[in-house]
Amino acid sequence: VVKENEDSHLKAGQLVGIPWLGYTCGKCIYCLRGMENLCENALF
């Protein structure tokens, strides 16, 4: 991490891994069922 935002829990200098699943909405029926891997609005 080299730049974080104001409310970030990750800080500059921290080592991170970034996988295939890049974003889920948290609001669709699948996210609400705990199946975020099937999120209708996911980004990869």
All heavy atoms as atom14 arrays in JSON, in Angstrom:
{
  "sequence": "VVKENEDSHLKAGQLVGIPWLGYTCGKCIYCLRGMENLCENALF",
  "atom14_mask": [
    [1, 1, 1, 1, 1, 1, 1, 0, 0, 0, 0, 0, 0, 0],
    [1, 1, 1, 1, 1, 1, 1, 0, 0, 0, 0, 0, 0, 0],
    [1, 1, 1, 1, 1, 1, 1, 1, 1, 0, 0, 0, 0, 0],
    [1, 1, 1, 1, 1, 1, 1, 1, 1, 0, 0, 0, 0, 0],
    [1, 1, 1, 1, 1, 1, 1, 1, 0, 0, 0, 0, 0, 0],
    [1, 1, 1, 1, 1, 1, 1, 1, 1, 0, 0, 0, 0, 0],
    [1, 1, 1, 1, 1, 1, 1, 1, 0, 0, 0, 0, 0, 0],
    [1, 1, 1, 1, 1, 1, 0, 0, 0, 0, 0, 0, 0, 0],
    [1, 1, 1, 1, 1, 1, 1, 1, 1, 1, 0, 0, 0, 0],
    [1, 1, 1, 1, 1, 1, 1, 1, 0, 0, 0, 0, 0, 0],
    [1, 1, 1, 1, 1, 1, 1, 1, 1, 0, 0, 0, 0, 0],
    [1, 1, 1, 1, 1, 0, 0, 0, 0, 0, 0, 0, 0, 0],
    [1, 1, 1, 1, 0, 0, 0, 0, 0, 0, 0, 0, 0, 0],
    [1, 1, 1, 1, 1, 1, 1, 1, 1, 0, 0, 0, 0, 0],
    [1, 1, 1, 1, 1, 1, 1, 1, 0, 0, 0, 0, 0, 0],
    [1, 1, 1, 1, 1, 1, 1, 0, 0, 0, 0, 0, 0, 0],
    [1, 1, 1, 1, 0, 0, 0, 0, 0, 0, 0, 0, 0, 0],
    [1, 1, 1, 1, 1, 1, 1, 1, 0, 0, 0, 0, 0, 0],
    [1, 1, 1, 1, 1, 1, 1, 0, 0, 0, 0, 0, 0, 0],
    [1, 1, 1, 1, 1, 1, 1, 1, 1, 1, 1, 1, 1, 1],
    [1, 1, 1, 1, 1, 1, 1, 1, 0, 0, 0, 0, 0, 0],
    [1, 1, 1, 1, 0, 0, 0, 0, 0, 0, 0, 0, 0, 0],
    [1, 1, 1, 1, 1, 1, 1, 1, 1, 1, 1, 1, 0, 0],
    [1, 1, 1, 1, 1, 1, 1, 0, 0, 0, 0, 0, 0, 0],
    [1, 1, 1, 1, 1, 1, 0, 0, 0, 0, 0, 0, 0, 0],
    [1, 1, 1, 1, 0, 0, 0, 0, 0, 0, 0, 0, 0, 0],
    [1, 1, 1, 1, 1, 1, 1, 1, 1, 0, 0, 0, 0, 0],
    [1, 1, 1, 1, 1, 1, 0, 0, 0, 0, 0, 0, 0, 0],
    [1, 1, 1, 1, 1, 1, 1, 1, 0, 0, 0, 0, 0, 0],
    [1, 1, 1, 1, 1, 1, 1, 1, 1, 1, 1, 1, 0, 0],
    [1, 1, 1, 1, 1, 1, 0, 0, 0, 0, 0, 0, 0, 0],
    [1, 1, 1, 1, 1, 1, 1, 1, 0, 0, 0, 0, 0, 0],
    [1, 1, 1, 1, 1, 1, 1, 1, 1, 1, 1, 0, 0, 0],
    [1, 1, 1, 1, 0, 0, 0, 0, 0, 0, 0, 0, 0, 0],
    [1, 1, 1, 1, 1, 1, 1, 1, 0, 0, 0, 0, 0, 0],
    [1, 1, 1, 1, 1, 1, 1, 1, 1, 0, 0, 0, 0, 0],
    [1, 1, 1, 1, 1, 1, 1, 1, 0, 0, 0, 0, 0, 0],
    [1, 1, 1, 1, 1, 1, 1, 1, 0, 0, 0, 0, 0, 0],
    [1, 1, 1, 1, 1, 1, 0, 0, 0, 0, 0, 0, 0, 0],
    [1, 1, 1, 1, 1, 1, 1, 1, 1, 0, 0, 0, 0, 0],
    [1, 1, 1, 1, 1, 1, 1, 1, 0, 0, 0, 0, 0, 0],
    [1, 1, 1, 1, 1, 0, 0, 0, 0, 0, 0, 0, 0, 0],
    [1, 1, 1, 1, 1, 1, 1, 1, 0, 0, 0, 0, 0, 0],
    [1, 1, 1, 1, 1, 1, 1, 1, 1, 1, 1, 0, 0, 0]
  ],
  "atom14_positions": [
    [[0.85, -1.19, 0.0], [0.0, 0.0, 0.0], [0.89, 1.25, 0.0], [1.8, 1.38, 0.82], [-0.91, 0.03, 1.24], [-1.75, 1.31, 1.27], [-1.81, -1.2, 1.28], [0.0, 0.0, 0.0], [0.0, 0.0, 0.0], [0.0, 0.0, 0.0], [0.0, 0.0, 0.0], [0.0, 0.0, 0.0], [0.0, 0.0, 0.0], [0.0, 0.0, 0.0]],
    [[0.64, 2.14, -0.95], [1.41, 3.39, -1.0], [0.54, 4.62, -0.75], [1.05, 5.66, -0.34], [2.18, 3.55, -2.34], [3.29, 2.52, -2.44], [1.26, 3.45, -3.53], [0.0, 0.0, 0.0], [0.0, 0.0, 0.0], [0.0, 0.0, 0.0], [0.0, 0.0, 0.0], [0.0, 0.0, 0.0], [0.0, 0.0, 0.0], [0.0, 0.0, 0.0]],
    [[-0.74, 4.52, -0.99], [-1.67, 5.61, -0.7], [-2.98, 5.04, -0.17], [-3.55, 4.14, -0.79], [-1.95, 6.45, -1.96], [-0.77, 7.26, -2.48], [-0.49, 8.46, -1.58], [0.63, 9.33, -2.16], [0.88, 10.53, -1.33], [0.0, 0.0, 0.0], [0.0, 0.0, 0.0], [0.0, 0.0, 0.0], [0.0, 0.0, 0.0], [0.0, 0.0, 0.0]],
    [[-3.42, 5.56, 0.97], [-4.69, 5.11, 1.52], [-5.62, 6.31, 1.65], [-5.19, 7.46, 1.51], [-4.48, 4.44, 2.87], [-4.22, 5.37, 4.04], [-2.77, 5.76, 4.23], [-1.97, 5.52, 3.3], [-2.44, 6.31, 5.29], [0.0, 0.0, 0.0], [0.0, 0.0, 0.0], [0.0, 0.0, 0.0], [0.0, 0.0, 0.0], [0.0, 0.0, 0.0]],
    [[-6.87, 6.03, 1.9], [-7.84, 7.09, 2.1], [-8.01, 7.39, 3.58], [-7.52, 6.66, 4.44], [-9.18, 6.73, 1.44], [-9.13, 6.91, -0.07], [-9.08, 8.02, -0.56], [-9.14, 5.79, -0.8], [0.0, 0.0, 0.0], [0.0, 0.0, 0.0], [0.0, 0.0, 0.0], [0.0, 0.0, 0.0], [0.0, 0.0, 0.0], [0.0, 0.0, 0.0]],
    [[-8.75, 8.44, 3.86], [-8.83, 8.95, 5.23], [-9.33, 7.92, 6.23], [-8.86, 7.85, 7.36], [-9.75, 10.18, 5.26], [-9.68, 10.96, 6.55], [-10.38, 12.3, 6.44], [-10.27, 12.96, 5.4], [-11.04, 12.68, 7.43], [0.0, 0.0, 0.0], [0.0, 0.0, 0.0], [0.0, 0.0, 0.0], [0.0, 0.0, 0.0], [0.0, 0.0, 0.0]],
    [[-10.29, 7.1, 5.82], [-10.89, 6.12, 6.74], [-10.33, 4.72, 6.56], [-10.92, 3.74, 7.03], [-12.41, 6.1, 6.55], [-13.06, 7.43, 6.86], [-12.57, 8.12, 7.78], [-14.04, 7.79, 6.18], [0.0, 0.0, 0.0], [0.0, 0.0, 0.0], [0.0, 0.0, 0.0], [0.0, 0.0, 0.0], [0.0, 0.0, 0.0], [0.0, 0.0, 0.0]],
    [[-9.19, 4.6, 5.9], [-8.64, 3.28, 5.59], [-8.18, 2.56, 6.86], [-7.62, 3.16, 7.77], [-7.45, 3.4, 4.64], [-7.85, 3.89, 3.38], [0.0, 0.0, 0.0], [0.0, 0.0, 0.0], [0.0, 0.0, 0.0], [0.0, 0.0, 0.0], [0.0, 0.0, 0.0], [0.0, 0.0, 0.0], [0.0, 0.0, 0.0], [0.0, 0.0, 0.0]],
    [[-8.43, 1.24, 6.88], [-7.85, 0.42, 7.95], [-6.5, -0.14, 7.52], [-5.73, -0.6, 8.34], [-8.8, -0.7, 8.35], [-9.04, -1.73, 7.28], [-9.99, -1.56, 6.3], [-8.45, -2.92, 7.03], [-9.98, -2.61, 5.5], [-9.06, -3.45, 5.92], [0.0, 0.0, 0.0], [0.0, 0.0, 0.0], [0.0, 0.0, 0.0], [0.0, 0.0, 0.0]],
    [[-6.24, -0.12, 6.22], [-4.92, -0.49, 5.71], [-4.08, 0.78, 5.58], [-4.58, 1.82, 5.17], [-5.06, -1.18, 4.35], [-5.8, -2.51, 4.34], [-6.04, -2.98, 2.91], [-5.04, -3.57, 5.12], [0.0, 0.0, 0.0], [0.0, 0.0, 0.0], [0.0, 0.0, 0.0], [0.0, 0.0, 0.0], [0.0, 0.0, 0.0], [0.0, 0.0, 0.0]],
    [[-2.81, 0.67, 5.9], [-1.95, 1.84, 5.93], [-0.77, 1.7, 4.97], [-0.38, 0.58, 4.61], [-1.43, 2.09, 7.35], [-2.54, 2.28, 8.38], [-3.45, 3.46, 8.02], [-4.58, 3.63, 9.03], [-5.51, 4.72, 8.63], [0.0, 0.0, 0.0], [0.0, 0.0, 0.0], [0.0, 0.0, 0.0], [0.0, 0.0, 0.0], [0.0, 0.0, 0.0]],
    [[-0.22, 2.82, 4.58], [0.93, 2.82, 3.68], [2.05, 1.98, 4.28], [2.31, 2.02, 5.48], [1.41, 4.25, 3.43], [0.0, 0.0, 0.0], [0.0, 0.0, 0.0], [0.0, 0.0, 0.0], [0.0, 0.0, 0.0], [0.0, 0.0, 0.0], [0.0, 0.0, 0.0], [0.0, 0.0, 0.0], [0.0, 0.0, 0.0], [0.0, 0.0, 0.0]],
    [[2.67, 1.18, 3.4], [3.74, 0.29, 3.82], [3.27, -1.12, 4.12], [4.09, -2.03, 4.26], [0.0, 0.0, 0.0], [0.0, 0.0, 0.0], [0.0, 0.0, 0.0], [0.0, 0.0, 0.0], [0.0, 0.0, 0.0], [0.0, 0.0, 0.0], [0.0, 0.0, 0.0], [0.0, 0.0, 0.0], [0.0, 0.0, 0.0], [0.0, 0.0, 0.0]],
    [[1.95, -1.31, 4.22], [1.4, -2.62, 4.55], [1.39, -3.51, 3.31], [1.09, -3.07, 2.2], [-0.03, -2.46, 5.08], [-0.46, -3.57, 6.0], [-1.7, -3.19, 6.81], [-2.15, -2.05, 6.82], [-2.27, -4.18, 7.48], [0.0, 0.0, 0.0], [0.0, 0.0, 0.0], [0.0, 0.0, 0.0], [0.0, 0.0, 0.0], [0.0, 0.0, 0.0]],
    [[1.73, -4.79, 3.5], [1.71, -5.78, 2.43], [0.29, -6.34, 2.3], [-0.32, -6.73, 3.29], [2.69, -6.9, 2.74], [2.98, -7.91, 1.62], [3.79, -7.25, 0.52], [3.73, -9.12, 2.18], [0.0, 0.0, 0.0], [0.0, 0.0, 0.0], [0.0, 0.0, 0.0], [0.0, 0.0, 0.0], [0.0, 0.0, 0.0], [0.0, 0.0, 0.0]],
    [[-0.22, -6.38, 1.07], [-1.58, -6.87, 0.85], [-1.62, -7.8, -0.36], [-0.77, -7.75, -1.25], [-2.58, -5.71, 0.63], [-2.72, -4.86, 1.88], [-2.21, -4.86, -0.58], [0.0, 0.0, 0.0], [0.0, 0.0, 0.0], [0.0, 0.0, 0.0], [0.0, 0.0, 0.0], [0.0, 0.0, 0.0], [0.0, 0.0, 0.0], [0.0, 0.0, 0.0]],
    [[-2.67, -8.62, -0.38], [-2.98, -9.45, -1.54], [-4.29, -8.98, -2.14], [-5.23, -8.63, -1.41], [0.0, 0.0, 0.0], [0.0, 0.0, 0.0], [0.0, 0.0, 0.0], [0.0, 0.0, 0.0], [0.0, 0.0, 0.0], [0.0, 0.0, 0.0], [0.0, 0.0, 0.0], [0.0, 0.0, 0.0], [0.0, 0.0, 0.0], [0.0, 0.0, 0.0]],
    [[-4.37, -8.99, -3.46], [-5.58, -8.56, -4.17], [-6.02, -9.7, -5.08], [-5.29, -10.08, -6.0], [-5.33, -7.29, -5.0], [-4.8, -6.17, -4.09], [-6.61, -6.84, -5.7], [-4.38, -4.91, -4.85], [0.0, 0.0, 0.0], [0.0, 0.0, 0.0], [0.0, 0.0, 0.0], [0.0, 0.0, 0.0], [0.0, 0.0, 0.0], [0.0, 0.0, 0.0]],
    [[-7.22, -10.26, -4.86], [-7.68, -11.41, -5.64], [-8.66, -11.03, -6.74], [-8.9, -9.84, -7.02], [-8.37, -12.26, -4.57], [-9.01, -11.23, -3.67], [-8.08, -10.02, -3.69], [0.0, 0.0, 0.0], [0.0, 0.0, 0.0], [0.0, 0.0, 0.0], [0.0, 0.0, 0.0], [0.0, 0.0, 0.0], [0.0, 0.0, 0.0], [0.0, 0.0, 0.0]],
    [[-9.29, -12.04, -7.32], [-10.26, -11.91, -8.42], [-11.48, -11.08, -8.01], [-11.89, -10.17, -8.74], [-10.67, -13.31, -8.86], [-11.82, -13.43, -9.81], [-13.07, -13.91, -9.53], [-11.83, -13.13, -11.22], [-13.86, -13.91, -10.66], [-13.11, -13.44, -11.71], [-10.87, -12.64, -12.11], [-13.48, -13.28, -13.04], [-11.23, -12.47, -13.45], [-12.5, -12.79, -13.91]],
    [[-12.07, -11.38, -6.88], [-13.25, -10.64, -6.44], [-12.82, -9.26, -5.97], [-12.18, -9.11, -4.93], [-13.97, -11.38, -5.31], [-15.33, -10.8, -4.89], [-16.36, -10.93, -6.01], [-15.84, -11.49, -3.62], [0.0, 0.0, 0.0], [0.0, 0.0, 0.0], [0.0, 0.0, 0.0], [0.0, 0.0, 0.0], [0.0, 0.0, 0.0], [0.0, 0.0, 0.0]],
    [[-13.23, -8.23, -6.74], [-12.75, -6.88, -6.45], [-13.76, -5.96, -5.81], [-13.4, -4.93, -5.25], [0.0, 0.0, 0.0], [0.0, 0.0, 0.0], [0.0, 0.0, 0.0], [0.0, 0.0, 0.0], [0.0, 0.0, 0.0], [0.0, 0.0, 0.0], [0.0, 0.0, 0.0], [0.0, 0.0, 0.0], [0.0, 0.0, 0.0], [0.0, 0.0, 0.0]],
    [[-15.06, -6.33, -5.88], [-16.1, -5.48, -5.3], [-17.42, -6.24, -5.3], [-17.72, -6.98, -6.25], [-16.27, -4.2, -6.13], [-17.51, -3.4, -5.78], [-17.5, -2.49, -4.72], [-18.7, -3.57, -6.51], [-18.65, -1.77, -4.39], [-19.84, -2.85, -6.18], [-19.81, -1.96, -5.13], [-20.93, -1.24, -4.81], [0.0, 0.0, 0.0], [0.0, 0.0, 0.0]],
    [[-18.19, -6.09, -4.24], [-19.58, -6.56, -4.21], [-20.44, -5.45, -3.61], [-19.95, -4.62, -2.83], [-19.76, -7.85, -3.4], [-19.31, -7.63, -2.05], [-18.96, -8.99, -4.02], [0.0, 0.0, 0.0], [0.0, 0.0, 0.0], [0.0, 0.0, 0.0], [0.0, 0.0, 0.0], [0.0, 0.0, 0.0], [0.0, 0.0, 0.0], [0.0, 0.0, 0.0]],
    [[-21.72, -5.48, -3.96], [-22.59, -4.36, -3.57], [-23.06, -4.44, -2.13], [-23.38, -3.42, -1.51], [-23.79, -4.28, -4.51], [-24.98, -5.65, -4.35], [0.0, 0.0, 0.0], [0.0, 0.0, 0.0], [0.0, 0.0, 0.0], [0.0, 0.0, 0.0], [0.0, 0.0, 0.0], [0.0, 0.0, 0.0], [0.0, 0.0, 0.0], [0.0, 0.0, 0.0]],
    [[-23.15, -5.66, -1.57], [-23.64, -5.82, -0.21], [-25.14, -5.66, -0.05], [-25.66, -5.74, 1.07], [0.0, 0.0, 0.0], [0.0, 0.0, 0.0], [0.0, 0.0, 0.0], [0.0, 0.0, 0.0], [0.0, 0.0, 0.0], [0.0, 0.0, 0.0], [0.0, 0.0, 0.0], [0.0, 0.0, 0.0], [0.0, 0.0, 0.0], [0.0, 0.0, 0.0]],
    [[-25.86, -5.47, -1.16], [-27.29, -5.16, -1.08], [-28.18, -6.13, -1.86], [-29.38, -6.2, -1.59], [-27.53, -3.74, -1.6], [-26.82, -2.66, -0.81], [-27.04, -1.28, -1.44], [-26.29, -0.21, -0.67], [-26.48, 1.13, -1.3], [0.0, 0.0, 0.0], [0.0, 0.0, 0.0], [0.0, 0.0, 0.0], [0.0, 0.0, 0.0], [0.0, 0.0, 0.0]],
    [[-27.64, -6.81, -2.83], [-28.46, -7.69, -3.66], [-28.85, -8.93, -2.86], [-28.32, -9.2, -1.77], [-27.74, -8.08, -4.95], [-26.37, -9.24, -4.72], [0.0, 0.0, 0.0], [0.0, 0.0, 0.0], [0.0, 0.0, 0.0], [0.0, 0.0, 0.0], [0.0, 0.0, 0.0], [0.0, 0.0, 0.0], [0.0, 0.0, 0.0], [0.0, 0.0, 0.0]],
    [[-29.75, -9.73, -3.41], [-30.27, -10.89, -2.69], [-29.17, -11.89, -2.34], [-29.19, -12.52, -1.28], [-31.39, -11.57, -3.51], [-32.06, -12.68, -2.69], [-30.86, -12.12, -4.84], [-33.31, -13.24, -3.34], [0.0, 0.0, 0.0], [0.0, 0.0, 0.0], [0.0, 0.0, 0.0], [0.0, 0.0, 0.0], [0.0, 0.0, 0.0], [0.0, 0.0, 0.0]],
    [[-28.16, -11.99, -3.21], [-27.08, -12.96, -2.95], [-26.15, -12.46, -1.85], [-25.75, -13.23, -0.98], [-26.32, -13.23, -4.25], [-27.23, -13.78, -5.32], [-27.63, -12.99, -6.39], [-27.72, -15.08, -5.24], [-28.49, -13.48, -7.36], [-28.58, -15.58, -6.21], [-28.96, -14.77, -7.26], [-29.83, -15.27, -8.2], [0.0, 0.0, 0.0], [0.0, 0.0, 0.0]],
    [[-25.82, -11.18, -1.86], [-25.0, -10.63, -0.78], [-25.71, -10.77, 0.55], [-25.09, -11.12, 1.57], [-24.68, -9.17, -1.07], [-23.44, -8.9, -2.36], [0.0, 0.0, 0.0], [0.0, 0.0, 0.0], [0.0, 0.0, 0.0], [0.0, 0.0, 0.0], [0.0, 0.0, 0.0], [0.0, 0.0, 0.0], [0.0, 0.0, 0.0], [0.0, 0.0, 0.0]],
    [[-27.02, -10.5, 0.56], [-27.78, -10.59, 1.81], [-27.9, -12.03, 2.31], [-28.12, -12.26, 3.5], [-29.16, -9.97, 1.61], [-29.17, -8.46, 1.34], [-30.58, -7.96, 1.07], [-28.54, -7.69, 2.51], [0.0, 0.0, 0.0], [0.0, 0.0, 0.0], [0.0, 0.0, 0.0], [0.0, 0.0, 0.0], [0.0, 0.0, 0.0], [0.0, 0.0, 0.0]],
    [[-27.74, -12.99, 1.41], [-27.75, -14.41, 1.81], [-26.37, -14.89, 2.25], [-26.2, -16.06, 2.6], [-28.19, -15.28, 0.63], [-29.66, -15.21, 0.28], [-29.9, -16.09, -0.94], [-31.27, -16.02, -1.41], [-31.69, -16.55, -2.57], [-30.81, -17.18, -3.36], [-32.94, -16.46, -2.93], [0.0, 0.0, 0.0], [0.0, 0.0, 0.0], [0.0, 0.0, 0.0]],
    [[-25.38, -14.01, 2.21], [-24.01, -14.43, 2.51], [-23.32, -15.12, 1.37], [-22.35, -15.85, 1.56], [0.0, 0.0, 0.0], [0.0, 0.0, 0.0], [0.0, 0.0, 0.0], [0.0, 0.0, 0.0], [0.0, 0.0, 0.0], [0.0, 0.0, 0.0], [0.0, 0.0, 0.0], [0.0, 0.0, 0.0], [0.0, 0.0, 0.0], [0.0, 0.0, 0.0]],
    [[-23.83, -14.9, 0.15], [-23.26, -15.52, -1.06], [-22.7, -14.43, -1.97], [-23.09, -14.28, -3.11], [-24.35, -16.32, -1.77], [-25.01, -17.38, -0.89], [-26.52, -18.06, -1.62], [-25.83, -19.07, -2.94], [0.0, 0.0, 0.0], [0.0, 0.0, 0.0], [0.0, 0.0, 0.0], [0.0, 0.0, 0.0], [0.0, 0.0, 0.0], [0.0, 0.0, 0.0]],
    [[-21.75, -13.65, -1.42], [-21.25, -12.51, -2.18], [-20.51, -12.93, -3.46], [-20.36, -12.12, -4.38], [-20.34, -11.64, -1.32], [-19.03, -12.27, -0.91], [-18.14, -11.32, -0.12], [-18.56, -10.19, 0.14], [-17.02, -11.74, 0.22], [0.0, 0.0, 0.0], [0.0, 0.0, 0.0], [0.0, 0.0, 0.0], [0.0, 0.0, 0.0], [0.0, 0.0, 0.0]],
    [[-20.08, -14.19, -3.52], [-19.44, -14.66, -4.75], [-20.4, -14.67, -5.93], [-19.97, -14.72, -7.09], [-18.86, -16.06, -4.54], [-19.89, -17.08, -4.11], [-20.62, -16.85, -3.14], [-19.95, -18.2, -4.79], [0.0, 0.0, 0.0], [0.0, 0.0, 0.0], [0.0, 0.0, 0.0], [0.0, 0.0, 0.0], [0.0, 0.0, 0.0], [0.0, 0.0, 0.0]],
    [[-21.7, -14.59, -5.65], [-22.72, -14.57, -6.7], [-23.35, -13.18, -6.86], [-24.36, -13.04, -7.56], [-23.82, -15.6, -6.4], [-23.36, -17.04, -6.2], [-24.56, -17.94, -5.89], [-22.61, -17.55, -7.42], [0.0, 0.0, 0.0], [0.0, 0.0, 0.0], [0.0, 0.0, 0.0], [0.0, 0.0, 0.0], [0.0, 0.0, 0.0], [0.0, 0.0, 0.0]],
    [[-22.76, -12.17, -6.26], [-23.3, -10.8, -6.3], [-23.64, -10.37, -7.72], [-22.85, -10.55, -8.65], [-22.28, -9.83, -5.71], [-22.74, -8.08, -5.85], [0.0, 0.0, 0.0], [0.0, 0.0, 0.0], [0.0, 0.0, 0.0], [0.0, 0.0, 0.0], [0.0, 0.0, 0.0], [0.0, 0.0, 0.0], [0.0, 0.0, 0.0], [0.0, 0.0, 0.0]],
    [[-24.84, -9.81, -7.87], [-25.3, -9.38, -9.2], [-24.56, -8.16, -9.71], [-24.61, -7.85, -10.9], [-26.8, -9.1, -9.16], [-27.64, -10.36, -8.98], [-29.12, -10.09, -9.14], [-29.59, -9.03, -8.67], [-29.81, -10.95, -9.72], [0.0, 0.0, 0.0], [0.0, 0.0, 0.0], [0.0, 0.0, 0.0], [0.0, 0.0, 0.0], [0.0, 0.0, 0.0]],
    [[-23.89, -7.44, -8.82], [-23.2, -6.21, -9.2], [-21.7, -6.29, -8.95], [-21.03, -5.27, -8.82], [-23.8, -5.03, -8.42], [-25.3, -4.92, -8.63], [-25.76, -4.7, -9.74], [-26.06, -5.09, -7.56], [0.0, 0.0, 0.0], [0.0, 0.0, 0.0], [0.0, 0.0, 0.0], [0.0, 0.0, 0.0], [0.0, 0.0, 0.0], [0.0, 0.0, 0.0]],
    [[-21.18, -7.5, -8.89], [-19.77, -7.69, -8.57], [-18.87, -7.13, -9.67], [-19.23, -7.08, -10.85], [-19.48, -9.18, -8.38], [0.0, 0.0, 0.0], [0.0, 0.0, 0.0], [0.0, 0.0, 0.0], [0.0, 0.0, 0.0], [0.0, 0.0, 0.0], [0.0, 0.0, 0.0], [0.0, 0.0, 0.0], [0.0, 0.0, 0.0], [0.0, 0.0, 0.0]],
    [[-17.67, -6.74, -9.24], [-16.6, -6.35, -10.16], [-15.41, -7.25, -9.9], [-15.18, -7.68, -8.76], [-16.22, -4.88, -9.95], [-17.31, -3.84, -10.23], [-16.84, -2.45, -9.82], [-17.72, -3.85, -11.7], [0.0, 0.0, 0.0], [0.0, 0.0, 0.0], [0.0, 0.0, 0.0], [0.0, 0.0, 0.0], [0.0, 0.0, 0.0], [0.0, 0.0, 0.0]],
    [[-14.67, -7.53, -10.96], [-13.6, -8.53, -10.87], [-12.27, -7.95, -11.33], [-12.17, -7.34, -12.41], [-13.96, -9.76, -11.69], [-15.25, -10.4, -11.26], [-16.42, -10.19, -11.97], [-15.3, -11.17, -10.11], [-17.61, -10.75, -11.57], [-16.5, -11.74, -9.69], [-17.66, -11.53, -10.42], [0.0, 0.0, 0.0], [0.0, 0.0, 0.0], [0.0, 0.0, 0.0]]
  ]
}
